[in-house]
Amino acid sequence: MPILHKTITLTEEVFDGFQCDRCKKEFRDDMNIQEMFQWFRRGGYGSVWGDGVGVSLVLCQRCAFQVFGEHVVYDKQEEPVGKLQEDEA
C-alpha cells in the first residue's frame, strides 16, 4: 500500500520587537529588547486593578529608568550607575 504525502506551508508568528507603552517608540534591536521592562499581574480579591483583571505594562529601558529610577533598590553595595544624558531626559 503506497504512502501518500502532501506539502503544506505553515505561517508562524515570531517575536520581532516591542513598543513602549509610555513613549510609544518601537524597538527591534537586541540591546533594547534585553533591557525592556515587562510586567503582568492579575488582580486578586480587593485589588486596585480589579478582581481577576489582568493588567500589563511594557517599557523601554529609558522610560523604566525615568519612572522607577528613584525607587529601585540596588543589589548589595553596588553604586547606582544609571543615568540619562540631558538630551534623553
N, C-alpha and C. Protein backbone atom coordinates (compact mmCIF):
# COMPACT_ATOMS: atom_id res chain seq x y z
N MET A 1 0.85 -1.16 0.00
CA MET A 1 0.00 0.00 0.00
C MET A 1 0.90 1.23 0.00
N PRO A 2 0.77 2.11 -0.99
CA PRO A 2 1.62 3.29 -1.08
C PRO A 2 1.26 4.32 0.01
N ILE A 3 2.27 5.03 0.49
CA ILE A 3 2.09 6.12 1.47
C ILE A 3 1.88 7.40 0.67
N LEU A 4 0.87 8.15 1.01
CA LEU A 4 0.58 9.41 0.32
C LEU A 4 1.10 10.58 1.15
N HIS A 5 1.67 11.58 0.49
CA HIS A 5 2.20 12.79 1.15
C HIS A 5 1.62 14.01 0.48
N LYS A 6 1.58 15.09 1.24
CA LYS A 6 1.23 16.37 0.65
C LYS A 6 2.13 17.42 1.28
N THR A 7 2.34 18.49 0.55
CA THR A 7 3.17 19.60 1.02
C THR A 7 2.26 20.69 1.58
N ILE A 8 2.59 21.16 2.78
CA ILE A 8 1.82 22.26 3.37
C ILE A 8 2.77 23.39 3.73
N THR A 9 2.26 24.59 3.76
CA THR A 9 3.03 25.76 4.15
C THR A 9 2.44 26.30 5.45
N LEU A 10 3.31 26.48 6.43
CA LEU A 10 2.88 26.99 7.73
C LEU A 10 3.33 28.43 7.91
N THR A 11 2.51 29.22 8.52
CA THR A 11 2.87 30.58 8.87
C THR A 11 3.00 30.64 10.38
N GLU A 12 4.11 31.17 10.84
CA GLU A 12 4.37 31.24 12.28
C GLU A 12 4.62 32.68 12.69
N GLU A 13 4.00 33.11 13.77
CA GLU A 13 4.22 34.45 14.30
C GLU A 13 5.37 34.38 15.29
N VAL A 14 6.39 35.22 15.09
CA VAL A 14 7.56 35.21 15.96
C VAL A 14 7.79 36.62 16.54
N PHE A 15 8.43 36.65 17.69
CA PHE A 15 8.74 37.92 18.35
C PHE A 15 9.72 38.71 17.49
N ASP A 16 9.41 40.00 17.26
CA ASP A 16 10.25 40.84 16.41
C ASP A 16 10.68 42.12 17.11
N GLY A 17 10.15 42.40 18.27
CA GLY A 17 10.46 43.63 18.98
C GLY A 17 9.28 44.01 19.86
N PHE A 18 9.27 45.26 20.32
CA PHE A 18 8.18 45.71 21.17
C PHE A 18 7.97 47.21 21.02
N GLN A 19 6.81 47.67 21.47
CA GLN A 19 6.50 49.09 21.51
C GLN A 19 6.34 49.48 22.97
N CYS A 20 7.03 50.52 23.39
CA CYS A 20 6.95 51.01 24.76
C CYS A 20 5.56 51.61 25.00
N ASP A 21 4.93 51.21 26.09
CA ASP A 21 3.60 51.72 26.41
C ASP A 21 3.62 53.19 26.83
N ARG A 22 4.79 53.71 27.19
CA ARG A 22 4.87 55.10 27.65
C ARG A 22 5.25 56.05 26.52
N CYS A 23 6.40 55.81 25.86
CA CYS A 23 6.86 56.74 24.81
C CYS A 23 6.37 56.35 23.42
N LYS A 24 5.83 55.14 23.29
CA LYS A 24 5.26 54.62 22.03
C LYS A 24 6.29 54.33 20.95
N LYS A 25 7.59 54.39 21.29
CA LYS A 25 8.62 54.06 20.30
C LYS A 25 8.69 52.55 20.13
N GLU A 26 9.06 52.13 18.92
CA GLU A 26 9.24 50.70 18.64
C GLU A 26 10.72 50.35 18.71
N PHE A 27 11.01 49.18 19.25
CA PHE A 27 12.38 48.72 19.40
C PHE A 27 12.51 47.32 18.82
N ARG A 28 13.55 47.12 18.00
CA ARG A 28 13.80 45.81 17.41
C ARG A 28 15.25 45.36 17.60
N ASP A 29 16.06 46.20 18.23
CA ASP A 29 17.47 45.85 18.40
C ASP A 29 17.67 45.03 19.68
N ASP A 30 18.69 44.19 19.67
CA ASP A 30 18.94 43.28 20.79
C ASP A 30 19.14 43.99 22.12
N MET A 31 19.87 45.10 22.14
CA MET A 31 20.17 45.79 23.39
C MET A 31 18.88 46.25 24.08
N ASN A 32 18.00 46.89 23.35
CA ASN A 32 16.76 47.36 23.96
C ASN A 32 15.80 46.22 24.29
N ILE A 33 15.82 45.17 23.50
CA ILE A 33 14.98 44.01 23.80
C ILE A 33 15.44 43.36 25.10
N GLN A 34 16.76 43.25 25.29
CA GLN A 34 17.28 42.66 26.52
C GLN A 34 16.95 43.49 27.75
N GLU A 35 16.87 44.80 27.59
CA GLU A 35 16.67 45.69 28.73
C GLU A 35 15.22 46.14 28.92
N MET A 36 14.31 45.63 28.09
CA MET A 36 12.90 46.04 28.23
C MET A 36 12.35 45.60 29.58
N PHE A 37 11.40 46.36 30.08
CA PHE A 37 10.74 46.04 31.34
C PHE A 37 9.34 45.56 30.99
N GLN A 38 9.03 44.33 31.36
CA GLN A 38 7.72 43.77 31.07
C GLN A 38 7.09 43.30 32.38
N TRP A 39 5.86 43.71 32.61
CA TRP A 39 5.17 43.37 33.86
C TRP A 39 3.75 42.92 33.54
N PHE A 40 3.33 41.83 34.16
CA PHE A 40 1.96 41.35 34.05
C PHE A 40 1.48 40.97 35.44
N ARG A 41 0.25 41.30 35.72
CA ARG A 41 -0.33 40.98 37.02
C ARG A 41 -1.82 40.75 36.85
N ARG A 42 -2.35 39.76 37.57
CA ARG A 42 -3.78 39.54 37.60
C ARG A 42 -4.25 39.93 39.00
N GLY A 43 -5.15 40.90 39.05
CA GLY A 43 -5.62 41.40 40.34
C GLY A 43 -6.37 40.33 41.12
N GLY A 44 -6.08 40.29 42.40
CA GLY A 44 -6.77 39.37 43.29
C GLY A 44 -7.97 40.05 43.95
N TYR A 45 -8.55 39.37 44.90
CA TYR A 45 -9.72 39.90 45.61
C TYR A 45 -9.34 41.22 46.27
N GLY A 46 -10.11 42.27 46.02
CA GLY A 46 -9.87 43.57 46.62
C GLY A 46 -8.75 44.37 45.97
N SER A 47 -8.21 43.89 44.85
CA SER A 47 -7.11 44.59 44.18
C SER A 47 -7.57 45.92 43.61
N VAL A 48 -6.66 46.91 43.62
CA VAL A 48 -6.98 48.19 43.00
C VAL A 48 -7.14 48.05 41.49
N TRP A 49 -6.57 46.99 40.91
CA TRP A 49 -6.67 46.76 39.47
C TRP A 49 -8.01 46.14 39.10
N GLY A 50 -8.65 45.50 40.05
CA GLY A 50 -9.92 44.83 39.80
C GLY A 50 -9.79 43.34 40.06
N ASP A 51 -10.78 42.76 40.60
CA ASP A 51 -10.78 41.34 40.94
C ASP A 51 -10.70 40.49 39.68
N GLY A 52 -9.58 39.78 39.51
CA GLY A 52 -9.40 38.90 38.36
C GLY A 52 -9.01 39.61 37.07
N VAL A 53 -8.80 40.92 37.12
CA VAL A 53 -8.46 41.68 35.92
C VAL A 53 -6.96 41.57 35.63
N GLY A 54 -6.61 41.23 34.41
CA GLY A 54 -5.21 41.17 34.01
C GLY A 54 -4.74 42.54 33.53
N VAL A 55 -3.60 42.97 34.01
CA VAL A 55 -3.00 44.24 33.57
C VAL A 55 -1.55 43.98 33.17
N SER A 56 -1.07 44.69 32.17
CA SER A 56 0.30 44.50 31.72
C SER A 56 0.92 45.84 31.36
N LEU A 57 2.25 45.85 31.34
CA LEU A 57 3.00 47.05 31.04
C LEU A 57 4.31 46.64 30.38
N VAL A 58 4.67 47.31 29.29
CA VAL A 58 5.96 47.09 28.64
C VAL A 58 6.60 48.46 28.48
N LEU A 59 7.81 48.60 29.05
CA LEU A 59 8.54 49.86 28.98
C LEU A 59 9.92 49.65 28.39
N CYS A 60 10.39 50.62 27.61
CA CYS A 60 11.78 50.60 27.17
C CYS A 60 12.64 50.94 28.39
N GLN A 61 13.94 50.70 28.27
CA GLN A 61 14.81 50.92 29.42
C GLN A 61 14.84 52.38 29.85
N ARG A 62 14.75 53.30 28.94
CA ARG A 62 14.78 54.73 29.29
C ARG A 62 13.53 55.12 30.09
N CYS A 63 12.37 54.70 29.63
CA CYS A 63 11.13 55.02 30.34
C CYS A 63 11.09 54.33 31.70
N ALA A 64 11.55 53.07 31.75
CA ALA A 64 11.58 52.36 33.03
C ALA A 64 12.47 53.10 34.02
N PHE A 65 13.62 53.59 33.57
CA PHE A 65 14.51 54.34 34.45
C PHE A 65 13.87 55.64 34.90
N GLN A 66 13.20 56.34 33.99
CA GLN A 66 12.54 57.60 34.35
C GLN A 66 11.41 57.38 35.35
N VAL A 67 10.67 56.29 35.21
CA VAL A 67 9.53 56.02 36.08
C VAL A 67 9.97 55.45 37.43
N PHE A 68 10.90 54.49 37.41
CA PHE A 68 11.25 53.75 38.62
C PHE A 68 12.60 54.11 39.22
N GLY A 69 13.43 54.86 38.49
CA GLY A 69 14.81 55.09 38.88
C GLY A 69 15.03 55.51 40.32
N GLU A 70 14.23 56.41 40.83
CA GLU A 70 14.44 56.89 42.20
C GLU A 70 13.91 55.91 43.25
N HIS A 71 13.21 54.87 42.82
CA HIS A 71 12.60 53.92 43.76
C HIS A 71 13.29 52.57 43.82
N VAL A 72 14.21 52.30 42.89
CA VAL A 72 14.83 50.98 42.86
C VAL A 72 15.81 50.79 44.00
N VAL A 73 16.00 49.55 44.39
CA VAL A 73 16.97 49.19 45.40
C VAL A 73 18.06 48.39 44.69
N TYR A 74 19.28 48.87 44.76
CA TYR A 74 20.39 48.21 44.07
C TYR A 74 20.91 47.05 44.91
N ASP A 75 21.41 46.01 44.24
CA ASP A 75 21.97 44.84 44.91
C ASP A 75 23.18 45.23 45.74
N LYS A 76 23.28 44.67 46.93
CA LYS A 76 24.46 44.74 47.80
C LYS A 76 25.00 46.16 47.91
N GLN A 77 26.29 46.30 47.67
CA GLN A 77 26.99 47.58 47.83
C GLN A 77 27.20 48.30 46.50
N GLU A 78 26.48 47.89 45.48
CA GLU A 78 26.70 48.48 44.17
C GLU A 78 26.29 49.94 44.14
N GLU A 79 27.09 50.72 43.47
CA GLU A 79 26.78 52.13 43.30
C GLU A 79 25.81 52.28 42.13
N PRO A 80 24.80 53.11 42.28
CA PRO A 80 23.90 53.36 41.15
C PRO A 80 24.68 53.99 40.00
N VAL A 81 24.64 53.37 38.85
CA VAL A 81 25.36 53.90 37.70
C VAL A 81 24.40 54.38 36.61
N GLY A 82 23.14 54.11 36.76
CA GLY A 82 22.18 54.50 35.74
C GLY A 82 22.01 56.01 35.69
N LYS A 83 22.03 56.54 34.52
CA LYS A 83 21.78 57.96 34.33
C LYS A 83 21.37 58.20 32.90
N LEU A 84 20.63 59.23 32.69
CA LEU A 84 20.23 59.62 31.35
C LEU A 84 20.99 60.88 30.97
N GLN A 85 21.38 60.96 29.73
CA GLN A 85 22.01 62.18 29.24
C GLN A 85 20.96 63.29 29.24
N GLU A 86 21.39 64.52 29.32
CA GLU A 86 20.46 65.65 29.36
C GLU A 86 19.48 65.63 28.19
N ASP A 87 19.96 65.27 27.00
CA ASP A 87 19.10 65.27 25.82
C ASP A 87 18.17 64.07 25.77
N GLU A 88 18.32 63.11 26.70
CA GLU A 88 17.47 61.92 26.71
C GLU A 88 16.40 62.01 27.78
N ALA A 89 16.51 62.94 28.69
CA ALA A 89 15.56 63.04 29.81
C ALA A 89 14.18 63.44 29.36
